[in-house]
Amino acid sequence: MMAKKNDVLVGQLLKKVEEKKAQIKKIKNPSFKTNLSLPIDGTTTRINLNVEHPILLFRILVDLETRIEKSQGIAEKWDIVFDNSWHGYTLEDWRDDVVLKIKQSQAQRQVTELRTIEKKLEGLMSEDKRTNIELEKLSELLGD
């Protein structure tokens, strides 16, 4: 009786793991607005957002967010129109892409953690439950 209760709980937890994996999958291949090659002010140097460390990406995010807020505040204060384009994209586009890159980095870590949890949960299943799951998988493969 206890094994059956545990199997139900393990099944529920495995379902949650699968749901989280599905959410992460969406983050892994987003549609970016920019070319991910962020120019540094006053230089020809560019930062490749694809390979930067999350800590640097967060610093870039803070800088972009600060620029957006200050620029909007100054434009409102002086009643002038603010053109927020920066090297062909808006500051918001750059900010949004940096956020996506940070989320991608975090997603990779989460996938690793979820795999560990999944293996632990599978180890907690009763032998009967594991056999049933394997039989269901084989049945699906055979189209039954």
N, C-alpha and C. Protein backbone atom coordinates (compact mmCIF):
# COMPACT_ATOMS: atom_id res chain seq x y z
N MET A 1 0.83 -1.20 0.00
CA MET A 1 0.00 0.00 0.00
C MET A 1 0.88 1.26 0.00
N MET A 2 1.92 1.26 0.83
CA MET A 2 2.81 2.42 0.92
C MET A 2 3.55 2.65 -0.39
N ALA A 3 3.96 1.56 -1.06
CA ALA A 3 4.67 1.68 -2.33
C ALA A 3 3.79 2.36 -3.36
N LYS A 4 2.49 2.03 -3.34
CA LYS A 4 1.57 2.63 -4.30
C LYS A 4 1.43 4.13 -4.06
N LYS A 5 1.33 4.56 -2.78
CA LYS A 5 1.25 5.98 -2.45
C LYS A 5 2.52 6.70 -2.91
N ASN A 6 3.65 6.07 -2.64
CA ASN A 6 4.92 6.67 -3.06
C ASN A 6 4.99 6.79 -4.57
N ASP A 7 4.54 5.77 -5.28
CA ASP A 7 4.56 5.80 -6.75
C ASP A 7 3.69 6.93 -7.29
N VAL A 8 2.55 7.16 -6.65
CA VAL A 8 1.67 8.25 -7.07
C VAL A 8 2.37 9.58 -6.88
N LEU A 9 2.99 9.76 -5.71
CA LEU A 9 3.71 11.00 -5.44
C LEU A 9 4.89 11.17 -6.39
N VAL A 10 5.64 10.12 -6.62
CA VAL A 10 6.77 10.18 -7.56
C VAL A 10 6.26 10.53 -8.95
N GLY A 11 5.16 9.93 -9.36
CA GLY A 11 4.57 10.24 -10.67
C GLY A 11 4.19 11.70 -10.79
N GLN A 12 3.61 12.26 -9.74
CA GLN A 12 3.23 13.67 -9.75
C GLN A 12 4.47 14.57 -9.85
N LEU A 13 5.49 14.21 -9.10
CA LEU A 13 6.73 15.00 -9.12
C LEU A 13 7.43 14.90 -10.48
N LEU A 14 7.42 13.71 -11.06
CA LEU A 14 8.01 13.56 -12.40
C LEU A 14 7.25 14.38 -13.43
N LYS A 15 5.94 14.48 -13.27
CA LYS A 15 5.14 15.30 -14.18
C LYS A 15 5.55 16.77 -14.05
N LYS A 16 5.78 17.23 -12.82
CA LYS A 16 6.22 18.61 -12.60
C LYS A 16 7.58 18.84 -13.25
N VAL A 17 8.47 17.86 -13.15
CA VAL A 17 9.79 17.96 -13.78
C VAL A 17 9.62 18.11 -15.29
N GLU A 18 8.75 17.32 -15.89
CA GLU A 18 8.51 17.39 -17.34
C GLU A 18 7.94 18.75 -17.73
N GLU A 19 7.03 19.28 -16.91
CA GLU A 19 6.45 20.60 -17.20
C GLU A 19 7.53 21.68 -17.17
N LYS A 20 8.42 21.61 -16.18
CA LYS A 20 9.50 22.59 -16.09
C LYS A 20 10.46 22.46 -17.27
N LYS A 21 10.73 21.23 -17.69
CA LYS A 21 11.59 21.01 -18.86
C LYS A 21 10.97 21.63 -20.11
N ALA A 22 9.65 21.51 -20.24
CA ALA A 22 8.95 22.07 -21.40
C ALA A 22 9.06 23.60 -21.40
N GLN A 23 8.94 24.20 -20.22
CA GLN A 23 9.08 25.66 -20.11
C GLN A 23 10.50 26.08 -20.50
N ILE A 24 11.47 25.33 -20.05
CA ILE A 24 12.87 25.65 -20.34
C ILE A 24 13.15 25.50 -21.83
N LYS A 25 12.53 24.53 -22.45
CA LYS A 25 12.75 24.29 -23.88
C LYS A 25 12.38 25.53 -24.70
N LYS A 26 11.33 26.23 -24.27
CA LYS A 26 10.91 27.45 -24.96
C LYS A 26 11.99 28.53 -24.88
N ILE A 27 12.70 28.58 -23.77
CA ILE A 27 13.74 29.58 -23.54
C ILE A 27 14.99 29.27 -24.37
N LYS A 28 15.23 28.00 -24.63
CA LYS A 28 16.47 27.60 -25.29
C LYS A 28 16.62 28.14 -26.71
N ASN A 29 15.54 28.31 -27.44
CA ASN A 29 15.61 28.78 -28.82
C ASN A 29 14.69 29.97 -29.07
N PRO A 30 14.96 31.08 -28.40
CA PRO A 30 14.08 32.24 -28.58
C PRO A 30 14.37 32.96 -29.89
N SER A 31 13.51 33.87 -30.22
CA SER A 31 13.70 34.72 -31.39
C SER A 31 14.26 36.05 -30.89
N PHE A 32 15.50 36.33 -31.27
CA PHE A 32 16.14 37.56 -30.81
C PHE A 32 15.80 38.72 -31.74
N LYS A 33 15.79 39.92 -31.17
CA LYS A 33 15.46 41.12 -31.93
C LYS A 33 16.70 41.77 -32.54
N THR A 34 17.86 41.56 -31.91
CA THR A 34 19.10 42.19 -32.37
C THR A 34 20.00 41.13 -32.99
N ASN A 35 21.19 41.59 -33.41
CA ASN A 35 22.18 40.66 -33.96
C ASN A 35 23.09 40.08 -32.86
N LEU A 36 22.83 40.42 -31.60
CA LEU A 36 23.56 39.94 -30.43
C LEU A 36 25.03 40.35 -30.41
N SER A 37 25.37 41.36 -31.20
CA SER A 37 26.73 41.90 -31.22
C SER A 37 26.66 43.35 -30.76
N LEU A 38 26.75 43.54 -29.47
CA LEU A 38 26.49 44.83 -28.83
C LEU A 38 27.72 45.73 -28.93
N PRO A 39 27.59 46.90 -29.59
CA PRO A 39 28.72 47.81 -29.69
C PRO A 39 28.98 48.54 -28.37
N ILE A 40 30.24 48.77 -28.09
CA ILE A 40 30.63 49.54 -26.90
C ILE A 40 30.76 50.99 -27.34
N ASP A 41 30.19 51.90 -26.56
CA ASP A 41 30.18 53.33 -26.91
C ASP A 41 31.57 53.85 -27.26
N GLY A 42 31.63 54.58 -28.37
CA GLY A 42 32.84 55.28 -28.75
C GLY A 42 33.97 54.40 -29.27
N THR A 43 33.71 53.13 -29.50
CA THR A 43 34.76 52.24 -30.00
C THR A 43 34.18 51.37 -31.12
N THR A 44 35.05 50.64 -31.76
CA THR A 44 34.59 49.68 -32.77
C THR A 44 34.48 48.29 -32.15
N THR A 45 34.77 48.18 -30.86
CA THR A 45 34.70 46.90 -30.16
C THR A 45 33.24 46.53 -29.94
N ARG A 46 32.96 45.25 -30.06
CA ARG A 46 31.61 44.74 -29.85
C ARG A 46 31.65 43.61 -28.82
N ILE A 47 30.56 43.47 -28.09
CA ILE A 47 30.42 42.38 -27.13
C ILE A 47 29.50 41.34 -27.75
N ASN A 48 30.00 40.11 -27.87
CA ASN A 48 29.20 39.02 -28.41
C ASN A 48 28.36 38.45 -27.27
N LEU A 49 27.08 38.75 -27.29
CA LEU A 49 26.19 38.33 -26.20
C LEU A 49 26.02 36.82 -26.13
N ASN A 50 26.36 36.11 -27.22
CA ASN A 50 26.23 34.65 -27.24
C ASN A 50 27.22 33.96 -26.31
N VAL A 51 28.35 34.58 -26.05
CA VAL A 51 29.40 33.90 -25.30
C VAL A 51 29.74 34.56 -23.97
N GLU A 52 29.09 35.63 -23.64
CA GLU A 52 29.41 36.33 -22.41
C GLU A 52 28.88 35.61 -21.17
N HIS A 53 29.59 35.80 -20.09
CA HIS A 53 29.23 35.21 -18.80
C HIS A 53 27.98 35.92 -18.25
N PRO A 54 27.12 35.19 -17.56
CA PRO A 54 25.88 35.79 -17.02
C PRO A 54 26.12 37.01 -16.12
N ILE A 55 27.23 37.04 -15.41
CA ILE A 55 27.50 38.21 -14.55
C ILE A 55 27.71 39.46 -15.40
N LEU A 56 28.48 39.33 -16.48
CA LEU A 56 28.68 40.47 -17.38
C LEU A 56 27.36 40.83 -18.06
N LEU A 57 26.59 39.83 -18.46
CA LEU A 57 25.30 40.11 -19.08
C LEU A 57 24.39 40.89 -18.13
N PHE A 58 24.44 40.54 -16.84
CA PHE A 58 23.62 41.27 -15.88
C PHE A 58 24.09 42.73 -15.76
N ARG A 59 25.38 42.94 -15.77
CA ARG A 59 25.91 44.32 -15.72
C ARG A 59 25.46 45.11 -16.95
N ILE A 60 25.49 44.48 -18.10
CA ILE A 60 25.02 45.13 -19.33
C ILE A 60 23.53 45.45 -19.20
N LEU A 61 22.77 44.53 -18.63
CA LEU A 61 21.34 44.74 -18.43
C LEU A 61 21.09 45.96 -17.54
N VAL A 62 21.85 46.07 -16.46
CA VAL A 62 21.70 47.23 -15.55
C VAL A 62 22.01 48.51 -16.31
N ASP A 63 23.07 48.51 -17.11
CA ASP A 63 23.45 49.69 -17.88
C ASP A 63 22.35 50.07 -18.87
N LEU A 64 21.83 49.09 -19.59
CA LEU A 64 20.77 49.37 -20.56
C LEU A 64 19.51 49.90 -19.88
N GLU A 65 19.14 49.26 -18.78
CA GLU A 65 17.94 49.69 -18.06
C GLU A 65 18.11 51.11 -17.53
N THR A 66 19.29 51.42 -17.03
CA THR A 66 19.59 52.77 -16.54
C THR A 66 19.50 53.78 -17.67
N ARG A 67 20.07 53.45 -18.83
CA ARG A 67 20.02 54.35 -19.99
C ARG A 67 18.58 54.60 -20.42
N ILE A 68 17.79 53.55 -20.44
CA ILE A 68 16.39 53.69 -20.86
C ILE A 68 15.65 54.62 -19.91
N GLU A 69 15.75 54.34 -18.61
CA GLU A 69 15.03 55.13 -17.61
C GLU A 69 15.49 56.59 -17.61
N LYS A 70 16.79 56.82 -17.61
CA LYS A 70 17.31 58.20 -17.56
C LYS A 70 16.96 58.96 -18.82
N SER A 71 17.07 58.30 -19.97
CA SER A 71 16.76 58.97 -21.24
C SER A 71 15.30 59.38 -21.29
N GLN A 72 14.42 58.48 -20.87
CA GLN A 72 12.99 58.80 -20.87
C GLN A 72 12.68 59.94 -19.89
N GLY A 73 13.31 59.90 -18.72
CA GLY A 73 13.10 60.96 -17.73
C GLY A 73 13.57 62.31 -18.22
N ILE A 74 14.71 62.35 -18.85
CA ILE A 74 15.25 63.61 -19.36
C ILE A 74 14.37 64.13 -20.50
N ALA A 75 13.95 63.22 -21.38
CA ALA A 75 13.08 63.64 -22.49
C ALA A 75 11.77 64.23 -21.97
N GLU A 76 11.20 63.60 -20.94
CA GLU A 76 9.96 64.12 -20.36
C GLU A 76 10.20 65.46 -19.66
N LYS A 77 11.29 65.55 -18.93
CA LYS A 77 11.60 66.77 -18.19
C LYS A 77 11.72 67.98 -19.12
N TRP A 78 12.37 67.79 -20.25
CA TRP A 78 12.62 68.89 -21.18
C TRP A 78 11.64 68.92 -22.34
N ASP A 79 10.67 68.01 -22.29
CA ASP A 79 9.64 67.96 -23.33
C ASP A 79 10.25 67.86 -24.73
N ILE A 80 11.13 66.89 -24.87
CA ILE A 80 11.76 66.63 -26.17
C ILE A 80 11.53 65.18 -26.56
N VAL A 81 11.65 64.92 -27.85
CA VAL A 81 11.46 63.56 -28.35
C VAL A 81 12.80 62.82 -28.24
N PHE A 82 12.75 61.65 -27.66
CA PHE A 82 13.96 60.85 -27.47
C PHE A 82 13.98 59.71 -28.49
N ASP A 83 15.03 59.68 -29.29
CA ASP A 83 15.22 58.57 -30.24
C ASP A 83 16.08 57.54 -29.53
N ASN A 84 15.49 56.43 -29.15
CA ASN A 84 16.22 55.44 -28.37
C ASN A 84 16.88 54.36 -29.22
N SER A 85 17.10 54.64 -30.52
CA SER A 85 17.77 53.63 -31.34
C SER A 85 19.27 53.67 -31.06
N TRP A 86 19.86 52.49 -31.09
CA TRP A 86 21.29 52.36 -30.82
C TRP A 86 21.84 51.29 -31.74
N HIS A 87 22.59 51.74 -32.72
CA HIS A 87 23.20 50.85 -33.70
C HIS A 87 22.17 49.94 -34.39
N GLY A 88 21.07 50.59 -34.80
CA GLY A 88 20.07 49.87 -35.60
C GLY A 88 18.96 49.19 -34.82
N TYR A 89 19.04 49.20 -33.51
CA TYR A 89 18.00 48.57 -32.68
C TYR A 89 17.66 49.52 -31.54
N THR A 90 16.48 49.33 -30.94
CA THR A 90 16.14 50.17 -29.80
C THR A 90 16.86 49.66 -28.55
N LEU A 91 16.99 50.55 -27.59
CA LEU A 91 17.59 50.13 -26.31
C LEU A 91 16.78 49.01 -25.68
N GLU A 92 15.46 49.06 -25.86
CA GLU A 92 14.59 48.01 -25.32
C GLU A 92 14.86 46.66 -26.00
N ASP A 93 15.13 46.71 -27.32
CA ASP A 93 15.47 45.47 -28.03
C ASP A 93 16.76 44.87 -27.47
N TRP A 94 17.77 45.71 -27.25
CA TRP A 94 19.03 45.22 -26.68
C TRP A 94 18.79 44.64 -25.29
N ARG A 95 18.01 45.38 -24.48
CA ARG A 95 17.71 44.92 -23.12
C ARG A 95 16.99 43.58 -23.15
N ASP A 96 15.98 43.46 -23.99
CA ASP A 96 15.20 42.22 -24.06
C ASP A 96 16.07 41.03 -24.46
N ASP A 97 16.99 41.26 -25.40
CA ASP A 97 17.87 40.18 -25.84
C ASP A 97 18.87 39.78 -24.75
N VAL A 98 19.35 40.75 -24.00
CA VAL A 98 20.25 40.44 -22.88
C VAL A 98 19.50 39.61 -21.83
N VAL A 99 18.27 39.98 -21.55
CA VAL A 99 17.45 39.21 -20.60
C VAL A 99 17.28 37.77 -21.09
N LEU A 100 17.01 37.59 -22.39
CA LEU A 100 16.86 36.24 -22.94
C LEU A 100 18.15 35.43 -22.81
N LYS A 101 19.29 36.09 -23.04
CA LYS A 101 20.58 35.38 -22.91
C LYS A 101 20.82 34.95 -21.46
N ILE A 102 20.46 35.80 -20.51
CA ILE A 102 20.60 35.44 -19.09
C ILE A 102 19.70 34.26 -18.77
N LYS A 103 18.47 34.31 -19.26
CA LYS A 103 17.52 33.21 -19.01
C LYS A 103 18.01 31.92 -19.64
N GLN A 104 18.61 32.00 -20.82
CA GLN A 104 19.17 30.81 -21.45
C GLN A 104 20.25 30.19 -20.58
N SER A 105 21.10 31.02 -20.04
CA SER A 105 22.18 30.54 -19.18
C SER A 105 21.62 29.86 -17.94
N GLN A 106 20.62 30.47 -17.34
CA GLN A 106 19.98 29.89 -16.16
C GLN A 106 19.26 28.60 -16.52
N ALA A 107 18.68 28.54 -17.70
CA ALA A 107 17.94 27.36 -18.13
C ALA A 107 18.86 26.14 -18.21
N GLN A 108 20.07 26.35 -18.68
CA GLN A 108 21.00 25.24 -18.79
C GLN A 108 21.30 24.64 -17.42
N ARG A 109 21.48 25.51 -16.44
CA ARG A 109 21.72 25.05 -15.07
C ARG A 109 20.49 24.32 -14.53
N GLN A 110 19.31 24.84 -14.83
CA GLN A 110 18.07 24.22 -14.37
C GLN A 110 17.87 22.85 -15.00
N VAL A 111 18.23 22.69 -16.26
CA VAL A 111 18.10 21.39 -16.92
C VAL A 111 18.95 20.36 -16.20
N THR A 112 20.16 20.73 -15.85
CA THR A 112 21.05 19.82 -15.13
C THR A 112 20.44 19.43 -13.79
N GLU A 113 19.91 20.41 -13.07
CA GLU A 113 19.28 20.14 -11.77
C GLU A 113 18.06 19.23 -11.94
N LEU A 114 17.26 19.48 -12.97
CA LEU A 114 16.06 18.67 -13.19
C LEU A 114 16.40 17.23 -13.54
N ARG A 115 17.47 17.04 -14.30
CA ARG A 115 17.90 15.67 -14.64
C ARG A 115 18.29 14.91 -13.37
N THR A 116 18.99 15.60 -12.47
CA THR A 116 19.39 14.98 -11.20
C THR A 116 18.16 14.59 -10.39
N ILE A 117 17.21 15.50 -10.30
CA ILE A 117 15.96 15.23 -9.56
C ILE A 117 15.22 14.06 -10.20
N GLU A 118 15.15 14.06 -11.53
CA GLU A 118 14.44 13.00 -12.25
C GLU A 118 15.05 11.63 -11.96
N LYS A 119 16.37 11.54 -11.95
CA LYS A 119 17.03 10.26 -11.67
C LYS A 119 16.76 9.81 -10.24
N LYS A 120 16.77 10.76 -9.31
CA LYS A 120 16.48 10.40 -7.92
C LYS A 120 15.05 9.88 -7.78
N LEU A 121 14.12 10.57 -8.44
CA LEU A 121 12.71 10.16 -8.37
C LEU A 121 12.51 8.78 -9.00
N GLU A 122 13.15 8.55 -10.12
CA GLU A 122 13.03 7.24 -10.77
C GLU A 122 13.58 6.13 -9.87
N GLY A 123 14.60 6.45 -9.11
CA GLY A 123 15.16 5.48 -8.18
C GLY A 123 14.23 5.17 -7.02
N LEU A 124 13.32 6.09 -6.73
CA LEU A 124 12.38 5.90 -5.63
C LEU A 124 11.13 5.11 -6.02
N MET A 125 10.95 4.89 -7.32
CA MET A 125 9.77 4.15 -7.79
C MET A 125 9.88 2.67 -7.45
N SER A 126 8.73 2.08 -7.24
CA SER A 126 8.71 0.63 -7.01
C SER A 126 9.05 -0.09 -8.32
N GLU A 127 9.49 -1.31 -8.19
CA GLU A 127 9.85 -2.10 -9.37
C GLU A 127 8.64 -2.29 -10.29
N ASP A 128 7.46 -2.51 -9.71
CA ASP A 128 6.24 -2.67 -10.51
C ASP A 128 5.96 -1.41 -11.34
N LYS A 129 6.11 -0.25 -10.73
CA LYS A 129 5.84 1.01 -11.43
C LYS A 129 6.84 1.20 -12.57
N ARG A 130 8.11 0.91 -12.33
CA ARG A 130 9.12 1.03 -13.38
C ARG A 130 8.79 0.09 -14.55
N THR A 131 8.38 -1.13 -14.21
CA THR A 131 8.01 -2.10 -15.25
C THR A 131 6.82 -1.58 -16.06
N ASN A 132 5.81 -1.03 -15.38
CA ASN A 132 4.63 -0.49 -16.07
C ASN A 132 5.02 0.65 -17.02
N ILE A 133 5.90 1.52 -16.56
CA ILE A 133 6.33 2.65 -17.39
C ILE A 133 7.06 2.15 -18.63
N GLU A 134 7.94 1.19 -18.45
CA GLU A 134 8.68 0.62 -19.58
C GLU A 134 7.73 -0.06 -20.57
N LEU A 135 6.76 -0.78 -20.05
CA LEU A 135 5.79 -1.43 -20.92
C LEU A 135 4.97 -0.41 -21.70
N GLU A 136 4.59 0.70 -21.05
CA GLU A 136 3.84 1.76 -21.73
C GLU A 136 4.68 2.38 -22.85
N LYS A 137 5.96 2.61 -22.58
CA LYS A 137 6.86 3.17 -23.60
C LYS A 137 6.98 2.23 -24.79
N LEU A 138 7.14 0.95 -24.51
CA LEU A 138 7.26 -0.03 -25.59
C LEU A 138 5.96 -0.12 -26.39
N SER A 139 4.85 -0.06 -25.71
CA SER A 139 3.56 -0.09 -26.36
C SER A 139 3.40 1.12 -27.31
N GLU A 140 3.82 2.28 -26.85
CA GLU A 140 3.74 3.49 -27.68
C GLU A 140 4.63 3.34 -28.92
N LEU A 141 5.81 2.78 -28.72
CA LEU A 141 6.72 2.59 -29.85
C LEU A 141 6.14 1.63 -30.90
N LEU A 142 5.42 0.65 -30.42
CA LEU A 142 4.83 -0.33 -31.33
C LEU A 142 3.49 0.14 -31.91
N GLY A 143 3.00 1.26 -31.39
CA GLY A 143 1.76 1.83 -31.91
C GLY A 143 0.51 1.16 -31.40
N ASP A 144 0.55 0.56 -30.25
CA ASP A 144 -0.63 -0.10 -29.68
C ASP A 144 -1.44 0.87 -28.86
